[in-house]
PDB file of N, CA and C in Angstrom:
ATOM      1  N   MET A   1      28.168 -35.141  16.640  1.00  0.00           N
ATOM      2  CA  MET A   1      27.133 -34.512  15.884  1.00  0.00           C
ATOM      3  C   MET A   1      26.020 -33.949  16.783  1.00  0.00           C
ATOM      4  N   ALA A   2      25.744 -34.622  17.862  1.00  0.00           N
ATOM      5  CA  ALA A   2      24.734 -34.155  18.793  1.00  0.00           C
ATOM      6  C   ALA A   2      25.145 -32.822  19.383  1.00  0.00           C
ATOM      7  N   MET A   3      26.461 -32.647  19.570  1.00  0.00           N
ATOM      8  CA  MET A   3      26.965 -31.389  20.102  1.00  0.00           C
ATOM      9  C   MET A   3      26.757 -30.279  19.094  1.00  0.00           C
ATOM     10  N   ASP A   4      26.999 -30.564  17.869  1.00  0.00           N
ATOM     11  CA  ASP A   4      26.827 -29.543  16.846  1.00  0.00           C
ATOM     12  C   ASP A   4      25.378 -29.113  16.750  1.00  0.00           C
ATOM     13  N   ASP A   5      24.471 -30.062  16.872  1.00  0.00           N
ATOM     14  CA  ASP A   5      23.040 -29.727  16.808  1.00  0.00           C
ATOM     15  C   ASP A   5      22.623 -28.867  18.000  1.00  0.00           C
ATOM     16  N   SER A   6      23.155 -29.144  19.184  1.00  0.00           N
ATOM     17  CA  SER A   6      22.775 -28.350  20.354  1.00  0.00           C
ATOM     18  C   SER A   6      23.336 -26.932  20.254  1.00  0.00           C
ATOM     19  N   TYR A   7      24.583 -26.835  19.710  1.00  0.00           N
ATOM     20  CA  TYR A   7      25.138 -25.493  19.489  1.00  0.00           C
ATOM     21  C   TYR A   7      24.334 -24.744  18.439  1.00  0.00           C
ATOM     22  N   LYS A   8      23.967 -25.433  17.387  1.00  0.00           N
ATOM     23  CA  LYS A   8      23.176 -24.808  16.317  1.00  0.00           C
ATOM     24  C   LYS A   8      21.838 -24.343  16.873  1.00  0.00           C
ATOM     25  N   THR A   9      21.221 -25.153  17.722  1.00  0.00           N
ATOM     26  CA  THR A   9      19.943 -24.788  18.322  1.00  0.00           C
ATOM     27  C   THR A   9      20.119 -23.560  19.211  1.00  0.00           C
ATOM     28  N   LEU A  10      21.182 -23.544  20.005  1.00  0.00           N
ATOM     29  CA  LEU A  10      21.462 -22.384  20.858  1.00  0.00           C
ATOM     30  C   LEU A  10      21.720 -21.139  20.016  1.00  0.00           C
ATOM     31  N   ILE A  11      22.526 -21.293  18.988  1.00  0.00           N
ATOM     32  CA  ILE A  11      22.846 -20.157  18.117  1.00  0.00           C
ATOM     33  C   ILE A  11      21.574 -19.644  17.441  1.00  0.00           C
ATOM     34  N   ASP A  12      20.745 -20.550  16.969  1.00  0.00           N
ATOM     35  CA  ASP A  12      19.489 -20.142  16.325  1.00  0.00           C
ATOM     36  C   ASP A  12      18.581 -19.400  17.312  1.00  0.00           C
ATOM     37  N   ALA A  13      18.527 -19.879  18.557  1.00  0.00           N
ATOM     38  CA  ALA A  13      17.695 -19.220  19.572  1.00  0.00           C
ATOM     39  C   ALA A  13      18.215 -17.816  19.852  1.00  0.00           C
ATOM     40  N   HIS A  14      19.541 -17.698  19.971  1.00  0.00           N
ATOM     41  CA  HIS A  14      20.136 -16.380  20.207  1.00  0.00           C
ATOM     42  C   HIS A  14      19.948 -15.478  18.985  1.00  0.00           C
ATOM     43  N   LYS A  15      20.025 -16.055  17.816  1.00  0.00           N
ATOM     44  CA  LYS A  15      19.830 -15.286  16.583  1.00  0.00           C
ATOM     45  C   LYS A  15      18.414 -14.706  16.551  1.00  0.00           C
ATOM     46  N   VAL A  16      17.440 -15.503  16.933  1.00  0.00           N
ATOM     47  CA  VAL A  16      16.046 -15.041  16.972  1.00  0.00           C
ATOM     48  C   VAL A  16      15.905 -13.910  17.982  1.00  0.00           C
ATOM     49  N   LYS A  17      16.522 -14.090  19.162  1.00  0.00           N
ATOM     50  CA  LYS A  17      16.444 -13.036  20.179  1.00  0.00           C
ATOM     51  C   LYS A  17      17.113 -11.748  19.692  1.00  0.00           C
ATOM     52  N   ILE A  18      18.282 -11.881  19.067  1.00  0.00           N
ATOM     53  CA  ILE A  18      19.004 -10.700  18.554  1.00  0.00           C
ATOM     54  C   ILE A  18      18.188 -10.009  17.478  1.00  0.00           C
ATOM     55  N   GLU A  19      17.579 -10.762  16.569  1.00  0.00           N
ATOM     56  CA  GLU A  19      16.734 -10.168  15.521  1.00  0.00           C
ATOM     57  C   GLU A  19      15.545  -9.438  16.148  1.00  0.00           C
ATOM     58  N   HIS A  20      14.992 -10.043  17.210  1.00  0.00           N
ATOM     59  CA  HIS A  20      13.879  -9.395  17.913  1.00  0.00           C
ATOM     60  C   HIS A  20      14.343  -8.080  18.554  1.00  0.00           C
ATOM     61  N   PHE A  21      15.534  -8.112  19.205  1.00  0.00           N
ATOM     62  CA  PHE A  21      16.071  -6.893  19.819  1.00  0.00           C
ATOM     63  C   PHE A  21      16.348  -5.821  18.767  1.00  0.00           C
ATOM     64  N   ILE A  22      16.902  -6.221  17.621  1.00  0.00           N
ATOM     65  CA  ILE A  22      17.189  -5.264  16.541  1.00  0.00           C
ATOM     66  C   ILE A  22      15.892  -4.666  16.022  1.00  0.00           C
ATOM     67  N   SER A  23      14.896  -5.513  15.836  1.00  0.00           N
ATOM     68  CA  SER A  23      13.593  -5.022  15.364  1.00  0.00           C
ATOM     69  C   SER A  23      12.983  -4.046  16.375  1.00  0.00           C
ATOM     70  N   THR A  24      13.051  -4.406  17.648  1.00  0.00           N
ATOM     71  CA  THR A  24      12.527  -3.524  18.701  1.00  0.00           C
ATOM     72  C   THR A  24      13.296  -2.208  18.726  1.00  0.00           C
ATOM     73  N   TYR A  25      14.615  -2.286  18.615  1.00  0.00           N
ATOM     74  CA  TYR A  25      15.468  -1.097  18.603  1.00  0.00           C
ATOM     75  C   TYR A  25      15.108  -0.184  17.432  1.00  0.00           C
ATOM     76  N   GLU A  26      14.951  -0.760  16.251  1.00  0.00           N
ATOM     77  CA  GLU A  26      14.587   0.042  15.072  1.00  0.00           C
ATOM     78  C   GLU A  26      13.214   0.679  15.250  1.00  0.00           C
ATOM     79  N   GLY A  27      12.293  -0.063  15.847  1.00  0.00           N
ATOM     80  CA  GLY A  27      10.968   0.497  16.125  1.00  0.00           C
ATOM     81  C   GLY A  27      11.047   1.658  17.094  1.00  0.00           C
ATOM     82  N   LEU A  28      11.887   1.499  18.113  1.00  0.00           N
ATOM     83  CA  LEU A  28      12.057   2.582  19.088  1.00  0.00           C
ATOM     84  C   LEU A  28      12.728   3.802  18.455  1.00  0.00           C
ATOM     85  N   LEU A  29      13.698   3.572  17.572  1.00  0.00           N
ATOM     86  CA  LEU A  29      14.324   4.696  16.866  1.00  0.00           C
ATOM     87  C   LEU A  29      13.303   5.450  16.022  1.00  0.00           C
ATOM     88  N   MET A  30      12.442   4.703  15.326  1.00  0.00           N
ATOM     89  CA  MET A  30      11.413   5.331  14.504  1.00  0.00           C
ATOM     90  C   MET A  30      10.451   6.136  15.385  1.00  0.00           C
ATOM     91  N   ARG A  31      10.062   5.546  16.503  1.00  0.00           N
ATOM     92  CA  ARG A  31       9.154   6.251  17.425  1.00  0.00           C
ATOM     93  C   ARG A  31       9.825   7.506  17.983  1.00  0.00           C
ATOM     94  N   GLN A  32      11.118   7.411  18.286  1.00  0.00           N
ATOM     95  CA  GLN A  32      11.859   8.567  18.783  1.00  0.00           C
ATOM     96  C   GLN A  32      11.857   9.684  17.737  1.00  0.00           C
ATOM     97  N   ARG A  33      12.079   9.351  16.471  1.00  0.00           N
ATOM     98  CA  ARG A  33      12.046  10.364  15.396  1.00  0.00           C
ATOM     99  C   ARG A  33      10.678  11.015  15.301  1.00  0.00           C
ATOM    100  N   GLU A  34       9.638  10.181  15.386  1.00  0.00           N
ATOM    101  CA  GLU A  34       8.268  10.709  15.322  1.00  0.00           C
ATOM    102  C   GLU A  34       8.000  11.673  16.485  1.00  0.00           C
ATOM    103  N   LEU A  35       8.446  11.264  17.671  1.00  0.00           N
ATOM    104  CA  LEU A  35       8.218  12.109  18.846  1.00  0.00           C
ATOM    105  C   LEU A  35       9.004  13.416  18.758  1.00  0.00           C
ATOM    106  N   ARG A  36      10.209  13.349  18.226  1.00  0.00           N
ATOM    107  CA  ARG A  36      10.990  14.579  18.055  1.00  0.00           C
ATOM    108  C   ARG A  36      10.318  15.514  17.059  1.00  0.00           C
ATOM    109  N   GLN A  37       9.792  14.952  15.965  1.00  0.00           N
ATOM    110  CA  GLN A  37       9.083  15.791  14.981  1.00  0.00           C
ATOM    111  C   GLN A  37       7.840  16.410  15.606  1.00  0.00           C
ATOM    112  N   GLU A  38       7.116  15.613  16.378  1.00  0.00           N
ATOM    113  CA  GLU A  38       5.923  16.133  17.048  1.00  0.00           C
ATOM    114  C   GLU A  38       6.302  17.234  18.037  1.00  0.00           C
ATOM    115  N   LEU A  39       7.399  17.035  18.754  1.00  0.00           N
ATOM    116  CA  LEU A  39       7.879  18.043  19.693  1.00  0.00           C
ATOM    117  C   LEU A  39       8.238  19.337  18.965  1.00  0.00           C
ATOM    118  N   GLU A  40       8.888  19.229  17.817  1.00  0.00           N
ATOM    119  CA  GLU A  40       9.229  20.418  17.027  1.00  0.00           C
ATOM    120  C   GLU A  40       7.969  21.138  16.571  1.00  0.00           C
ATOM    121  N   ARG A  41       6.954  20.372  16.144  1.00  0.00           N
ATOM    122  CA  ARG A  41       5.675  20.991  15.735  1.00  0.00           C
ATOM    123  C   ARG A  41       5.025  21.703  16.913  1.00  0.00           C
ATOM    124  N   LYS A  42       5.039  21.043  18.069  1.00  0.00           N
ATOM    125  CA  LYS A  42       4.428  21.648  19.265  1.00  0.00           C
ATOM    126  C   LYS A  42       5.189  22.907  19.677  1.00  0.00           C
ATOM    127  N   ASP A  43       6.517  22.853  19.604  1.00  0.00           N
ATOM    128  CA  ASP A  43       7.317  24.042  19.931  1.00  0.00           C
ATOM    129  C   ASP A  43       6.966  25.186  18.997  1.00  0.00           C
ATOM    130  N   SER A  44       6.792  24.856  17.719  1.00  0.00           N
ATOM    131  CA  SER A  44       6.429  25.877  16.733  1.00  0.00           C
ATOM    132  C   SER A  44       5.045  26.452  17.048  1.00  0.00           C
ATOM    133  N   GLU A  45       4.106  25.580  17.388  1.00  0.00           N
ATOM    134  CA  GLU A  45       2.756  26.032  17.732  1.00  0.00           C
ATOM    135  C   GLU A  45       2.787  26.916  18.977  1.00  0.00           C
ATOM    136  N   ILE A  46       3.585  26.513  19.958  1.00  0.00           N
ATOM    137  CA  ILE A  46       3.693  27.298  21.192  1.00  0.00           C
ATOM    138  C   ILE A  46       4.254  28.679  20.890  1.00  0.00           C
ATOM    139  N   ALA A  47       5.254  28.721  20.013  1.00  0.00           N
ATOM    140  CA  ALA A  47       5.840  30.019  19.640  1.00  0.00           C
ATOM    141  C   ALA A  47       4.779  30.888  18.967  1.00  0.00           C
ATOM    142  N   GLU A  48       3.971  30.290  18.083  1.00  0.00           N
ATOM    143  CA  GLU A  48       2.896  31.040  17.421  1.00  0.00           C
ATOM    144  C   GLU A  48       1.889  31.557  18.446  1.00  0.00           C
ATOM    145  N   TYR A  49       1.493  30.695  19.393  1.00  0.00           N
ATOM    146  CA  TYR A  49       0.531  31.105  20.416  1.00  0.00           C
ATOM    147  C   TYR A  49       1.096  32.209  21.294  1.00  0.00           C
ATOM    148  N   LYS A  50       2.393  32.113  21.605  1.00  0.00           N
ATOM    149  CA  LYS A  50       3.021  33.164  22.407  1.00  0.00           C
ATOM    150  C   LYS A  50       2.992  34.489  21.662  1.00  0.00           C
ATOM    151  N   ASP A  51       3.274  34.454  20.351  1.00  0.00           N
ATOM    152  CA  ASP A  51       3.216  35.677  19.552  1.00  0.00           C
ATOM    153  C   ASP A  51       1.802  36.245  19.531  1.00  0.00           C
ATOM    154  N   LYS A  52       0.825  35.371  19.325  1.00  0.00           N
ATOM    155  CA  LYS A  52      -0.574  35.823  19.308  1.00  0.00           C
ATOM    156  C   LYS A  52      -0.967  36.402  20.659  1.00  0.00           C
ATOM    157  N   LEU A  53      -0.531  35.744  21.729  1.00  0.00           N
ATOM    158  CA  LEU A  53      -0.842  36.231  23.071  1.00  0.00           C
ATOM    159  C   LEU A  53      -0.206  37.588  23.318  1.00  0.00           C
ATOM    160  N   GLU A  54       1.034  37.745  22.894  1.00  0.00           N
ATOM    161  CA  GLU A  54       1.717  39.026  23.067  1.00  0.00           C
ATOM    162  C   GLU A  54       1.009  40.119  22.264  1.00  0.00           C
ATOM    163  N   ASN A  55       0.623  39.787  21.019  1.00  0.00           N
ATOM    164  CA  ASN A  55      -0.115  40.758  20.203  1.00  0.00           C
ATOM    165  C   ASN A  55      -1.448  41.120  20.852  1.00  0.00           C
ATOM    166  N   SER A  56      -2.131  40.120  21.396  1.00  0.00           N
ATOM    167  CA  SER A  56      -3.411  40.374  22.057  1.00  0.00           C
ATOM    168  C   SER A  56      -3.219  41.245  23.296  1.00  0.00           C
ATOM    169  N   ASN A  57      -2.186  40.957  24.056  1.00  0.00           N
ATOM    170  CA  ASN A  57      -1.917  41.770  25.251  1.00  0.00           C
ATOM    171  C   ASN A  57      -1.593  43.211  24.868  1.00  0.00           C
ATOM    172  N   ASN A  58      -0.827  43.398  23.791  1.00  0.00           N
ATOM    173  CA  ASN A  58      -0.519  44.748  23.314  1.00  0.00           C
ATOM    174  C   ASN A  58      -1.790  45.459  22.876  1.00  0.00           C
ATOM    175  N   LYS A  59      -2.663  44.738  22.177  1.00  0.00           N
ATOM    176  CA  LYS A  59      -3.927  45.323  21.720  1.00  0.00           C
ATOM    177  C   LYS A  59      -4.792  45.718  22.921  1.00  0.00           C
ATOM    178  N   ILE A  60      -4.808  44.866  23.940  1.00  0.00           N
ATOM    179  CA  ILE A  60      -5.576  45.171  25.152  1.00  0.00           C
ATOM    180  C   ILE A  60      -5.045  46.443  25.800  1.00  0.00           C
ATOM    181  N   LYS A  61      -3.721  46.564  25.892  1.00  0.00           N
ATOM    182  CA  LYS A  61      -3.129  47.768  26.490  1.00  0.00           C
ATOM    183  C   LYS A  61      -3.500  49.006  25.685  1.00  0.00           C
ATOM    184  N   GLU A  62      -3.445  48.895  24.344  1.00  0.00           N
ATOM    185  CA  GLU A  62      -3.819  50.039  23.502  1.00  0.00           C
ATOM    186  C   GLU A  62      -5.273  50.427  23.733  1.00  0.00           C
ATOM    187  N   LEU A  63      -6.140  49.431  23.781  1.00  0.00           N
ATOM    188  CA  LEU A  63      -7.564  49.711  23.983  1.00  0.00           C
ATOM    189  C   LEU A  63      -7.822  50.301  25.373  1.00  0.00           C
ATOM    190  N   GLU A  64      -7.107  49.813  26.375  1.00  0.00           N
ATOM    191  CA  GLU A  64      -7.256  50.381  27.714  1.00  0.00           C
ATOM    192  C   GLU A  64      -6.814  51.840  27.739  1.00  0.00           C
ATOM    193  N   GLN A  65      -5.737  52.140  27.006  1.00  0.00           N
ATOM    194  CA  GLN A  65      -5.281  53.534  26.933  1.00  0.00           C
ATOM    195  C   GLN A  65      -6.318  54.401  26.225  1.00  0.00           C
ATOM    196  N   LYS A  66      -6.919  53.858  25.158  1.00  0.00           N
ATOM    197  CA  LYS A  66      -7.967  54.610  24.453  1.00  0.00           C
ATOM    198  C   LYS A  66      -9.163  54.846  25.365  1.00  0.00           C
ATOM    199  N   ILE A  67      -9.526  53.828  26.145  1.00  0.00           N
ATOM    200  CA  ILE A  67     -10.652  53.970  27.081  1.00  0.00           C
ATOM    201  C   ILE A  67     -10.340  55.064  28.097  1.00  0.00           C
ATOM    202  N   ASP A  68      -9.122  55.040  28.633  1.00  0.00           N
ATOM    203  CA  ASP A  68      -8.735  56.067  29.606  1.00  0.00           C
ATOM    204  C   ASP A  68      -8.829  57.462  28.988  1.00  0.00           C
ATOM    205  N   LYS A  69      -8.344  57.597  27.752  1.00  0.00           N
ATOM    206  CA  LYS A  69      -8.392  58.903  27.080  1.00  0.00           C
ATOM    207  C   LYS A  69      -9.830  59.332  26.840  1.00  0.00           C
ATOM    208  N   LEU A  70     -10.672  58.389  26.419  1.00  0.00           N
ATOM    209  CA  LEU A  70     -12.074  58.725  26.180  1.00  0.00           C
ATOM    210  C   LEU A  70     -12.784  59.094  27.478  1.00  0.00           C
ATOM    211  N   GLN A  71     -12.438  58.402  28.547  1.00  0.00           N
ATOM    212  CA  GLN A  71     -13.050  58.733  29.832  1.00  0.00           C
ATOM    213  C   GLN A  71     -12.610  60.119  30.296  1.00  0.00           C
ATOM    214  N   MET A  72     -11.335  60.440  30.068  1.00  0.00           N
ATOM    215  CA  MET A  72     -10.842  61.775  30.429  1.00  0.00           C
ATOM    216  C   MET A  72     -11.561  62.832  29.594  1.00  0.00           C
ATOM    217  N   ALA A  73     -11.673  62.568  28.285  1.00  0.00           N
ATOM    218  CA  ALA A  73     -12.346  63.528  27.414  1.00  0.00           C
ATOM    219  C   ALA A  73     -13.815  63.660  27.818  1.00  0.00           C
ATOM    220  N   GLY A  74     -14.429  62.548  28.188  1.00  0.00           N
ATOM    221  CA  GLY A  74     -15.835  62.562  28.600  1.00  0.00           C
ATOM    222  C   GLY A  74     -16.040  63.335  29.884  1.00  0.00           C
ATOM    223  N   ALA A  75     -15.026  63.357  30.721  1.00  0.00           N
ATOM    224  CA  ALA A  75     -15.148  64.092  31.983  1.00  0.00           C
ATOM    225  C   ALA A  75     -15.241  65.581  31.727  1.00  0.00           C
ATOM    226  N   PHE A  76     -14.650  66.060  30.628  1.00  0.00           N
ATOM    227  CA  PHE A  76     -14.665  67.479  30.312  1.00  0.00           C
ATOM    228  C   PHE A  76     -15.838  67.874  29.425  1.00  0.00           C
ATOM    229  N   GLU A  77     -16.473  66.904  28.840  1.00  0.00           N
ATOM    230  CA  GLU A  77     -17.621  67.216  27.990  1.00  0.00           C
ATOM    231  C   GLU A  77     -18.877  67.278  28.858  1.00  0.00           C
ATOM    232  N   ALA A  78     -19.685  68.213  28.546  1.00  0.00           N
ATOM    233  CA  ALA A  78     -20.943  68.330  29.283  1.00  0.00           C
ATOM    234  C   ALA A  78     -21.986  67.477  28.580  1.00  0.00           C
ATOM    235  N   SER A  79     -22.774  66.838  29.366  1.00  0.00           N
ATOM    236  CA  SER A  79     -23.849  66.051  28.772  1.00  0.00           C
ATOM    237  C   SER A  79     -24.974  66.997  28.350  1.00  0.00           C
ATOM    238  N   ALA A  80     -25.909  66.504  27.566  1.00  0.00           N
ATOM    239  CA  ALA A  80     -27.029  67.319  27.086  1.00  0.00           C
ATOM    240  C   ALA A  80     -27.843  67.856  28.259  1.00  0.00           C
ATOM    241  N   VAL A  81     -27.993  67.066  29.302  1.00  0.00           N
ATOM    242  CA  VAL A  81     -28.751  67.495  30.483  1.00  0.00           C
ATOM    243  C   VAL A  81     -28.014  68.643  31.166  1.00  0.00           C
ATOM    244  N   ASP A  82     -26.676  68.525  31.284  1.00  0.00           N
ATOM    245  CA  ASP A  82     -25.892  69.580  31.927  1.00  0.00           C
ATOM    246  C   ASP A  82     -25.981  70.881  31.132  1.00  0.00           C
ATOM    247  N   VAL A  83     -25.932  70.792  29.817  1.00  0.00           N
ATOM    248  CA  VAL A  83     -26.014  71.989  28.976  1.00  0.00           C
ATOM    249  C   VAL A  83     -27.377  72.649  29.138  1.00  0.00           C
ATOM    250  N   LYS A  84     -28.426  71.854  29.135  1.00  0.00           N
ATOM    251  CA  LYS A  84     -29.781  72.402  29.288  1.00  0.00           C
ATOM    252  C   LYS A  84     -29.929  73.079  30.651  1.00  0.00           C
ATOM    253  N   GLU A  85     -29.420  72.430  31.671  1.00  0.00           N
ATOM    254  CA  GLU A  85     -29.497  72.992  33.019  1.00  0.00           C
ATOM    255  C   GLU A  85     -28.695  74.294  33.114  1.00  0.00           C
ATOM    256  N   ALA A  86     -27.523  74.320  32.494  1.00  0.00           N
ATOM    257  CA  ALA A  86     -26.690  75.525  32.513  1.00  0.00           C
ATOM    258  C   ALA A  86     -27.418  76.672  31.800  1.00  0.00           C
ATOM    259  N   LYS A  87     -28.053  76.382  30.671  1.00  0.00           N
ATOM    260  CA  LYS A  87     -28.794  77.420  29.929  1.00  0.00           C
ATOM    261  C   LYS A  87     -29.940  77.967  30.783  1.00  0.00           C
ATOM    262  N   GLN A  88     -30.615  77.068  31.477  1.00  0.00           N
ATOM    263  CA  GLN A  88     -31.718  77.512  32.336  1.00  0.00           C
ATOM    264  C   GLN A  88     -31.197  78.418  33.455  1.00  0.00           C
ATOM    265  N   ASN A  89     -30.078  78.047  34.030  1.00  0.00           N
ATOM    266  CA  ASN A  89     -29.496  78.873  35.092  1.00  0.00           C
ATOM    267  C   ASN A  89     -29.092  80.240  34.553  1.00  0.00           C
ATOM    268  N   ILE A  90     -28.483  80.256  33.355  1.00  0.00           N
ATOM    269  CA  ILE A  90     -28.079  81.539  32.752  1.00  0.00           C
ATOM    270  C   ILE A  90     -29.312  82.385  32.466  1.00  0.00           C
ATOM    271  N   ASN A  91     -30.343  81.793  31.913  1.00  0.00           N
ATOM    272  CA  ASN A  91     -31.578  82.535  31.630  1.00  0.00           C
ATOM    273  C   ASN A  91     -32.194  83.092  32.917  1.00  0.00           C
ATOM    274  N   ARG A  92     -32.179  82.308  33.968  1.00  0.00           N
ATOM    275  CA  ARG A  92     -32.721  82.758  35.241  1.00  0.00           C
ATOM    276  C   ARG A  92     -31.898  83.943  35.774  1.00  0.00           C
ATOM    277  N   LEU A  93     -30.554  83.835  35.664  1.00  0.00           N
ATOM    278  CA  LEU A  93     -29.699  84.927  36.116  1.00  0.00           C
ATOM    279  C   LEU A  93     -29.920  86.185  35.276  1.00  0.00           C
ATOM    280  N   VAL A  94     -30.067  86.028  33.969  1.00  0.00           N
ATOM    281  CA  VAL A  94     -30.302  87.197  33.098  1.00  0.00           C
ATOM    282  C   VAL A  94     -31.632  87.863  33.471  1.00  0.00           C
ATOM    283  N   ARG A  95     -32.658  87.099  33.705  1.00  0.00           N
ATOM    284  CA  ARG A  95     -33.956  87.680  34.106  1.00  0.00           C
ATOM    285  C   ARG A  95     -33.827  88.415  35.443  1.00  0.00           C
ATOM    286  N   GLU A  96     -33.089  87.817  36.359  1.00  0.00           N
ATOM    287  CA  GLU A  96     -32.903  88.450  37.657  1.00  0.00           C
ATOM    288  C   GLU A  96     -32.127  89.759  37.511  1.00  0.00           C
ATOM    289  N   ILE A  97     -31.093  89.760  36.650  1.00  0.00           N
ATOM    290  CA  ILE A  97     -30.325  90.989  36.395  1.00  0.00           C
ATOM    291  C   ILE A  97     -31.226  92.041  35.756  1.00  0.00           C
ATOM    292  N   ASP A  98     -32.052  91.596  34.789  1.00  0.00           N
ATOM    293  CA  ASP A  98     -32.978  92.533  34.146  1.00  0.00           C
ATOM    294  C   ASP A  98     -33.938  93.144  35.176  1.00  0.00           C
ATOM    295  N   ARG A  99     -34.424  92.371  36.118  1.00  0.00           N
ATOM    296  CA  ARG A  99     -35.302  92.906  37.167  1.00  0.00           C
ATOM    297  C   ARG A  99     -34.579  93.922  38.035  1.00  0.00           C
ATOM    298  N   CYS A 100     -33.319  93.549  38.348  1.00  0.00           N
ATOM    299  CA  CYS A 100     -32.533  94.488  39.167  1.00  0.00           C
ATOM    300  C   CYS A 100     -32.325  95.811  38.437  1.00  0.00           C
ATOM    301  N   ILE A 101     -32.011  95.744  37.150  1.00  0.00           N
ATOM    302  CA  ILE A 101     -31.800  96.954  36.344  1.00  0.00           C
ATOM    303  C   ILE A 101     -33.093  97.758  36.287  1.00  0.00           C
ATOM    304  N   SER A 102     -34.190  97.062  36.099  1.00  0.00           N
ATOM    305  CA  SER A 102     -35.470  97.781  36.020  1.00  0.00           C
ATOM    306  C   SER A 102     -35.797  98.426  37.355  1.00  0.00           C
ATOM    307  N   LEU A 103     -35.455  97.804  38.459  1.00  0.00           N
ATOM    308  CA  LEU A 103     -35.681  98.408  39.771  1.00  0.00           C
ATOM    309  C   LEU A 103     -34.804  99.630  39.975  1.00  0.00           C
ATOM    310  N   LEU A 104     -33.574  99.552  39.449  1.00  0.00           N
ATOM    311  CA  LEU A 104     -32.670 100.694  39.576  1.00  0.00           C
ATOM    312  C   LEU A 104     -33.137 101.861  38.702  1.00  0.00           C
ATOM    313  N   ASN A 105     -33.748 101.600  37.606  1.00  0.00           N
ATOM    314  CA  ASN A 105     -34.212 102.651  36.686  1.00  0.00           C
ATOM    315  C   ASN A 105     -35.488 103.315  37.209  1.00  0.00           C
ATOM    316  N   ASP A 106     -36.210 102.720  38.078  1.00  0.00           N
ATOM    317  CA  ASP A 106     -37.447 103.314  38.586  1.00  0.00           C
ATOM    318  C   ASP A 106     -37.204 104.324  39.601  1.00  0.00           C
TER     319      ASP A 106
END
């Protein structure tokens, strides 16, 4: 009978250890599922951020092209100061031509 009790004690001790291992294993499986779900969410978020980044980069390129076009157009437009100066030069030339004509007529 003493032998049976020692075997029972050993079996009970191993049973407790096995139950502990099973519980730990199930906990790890649950944690693994949680981590996989979190990873899927993060992958989805990363994909969204990549799309947003690509859209932003495309928008930046479009705006840079618009800036280049506006700068080119601005290079051909005369500023108000340039127009005023050009008018003054034309008026000065017309007066000088008028003087020359008047000198020729005398």
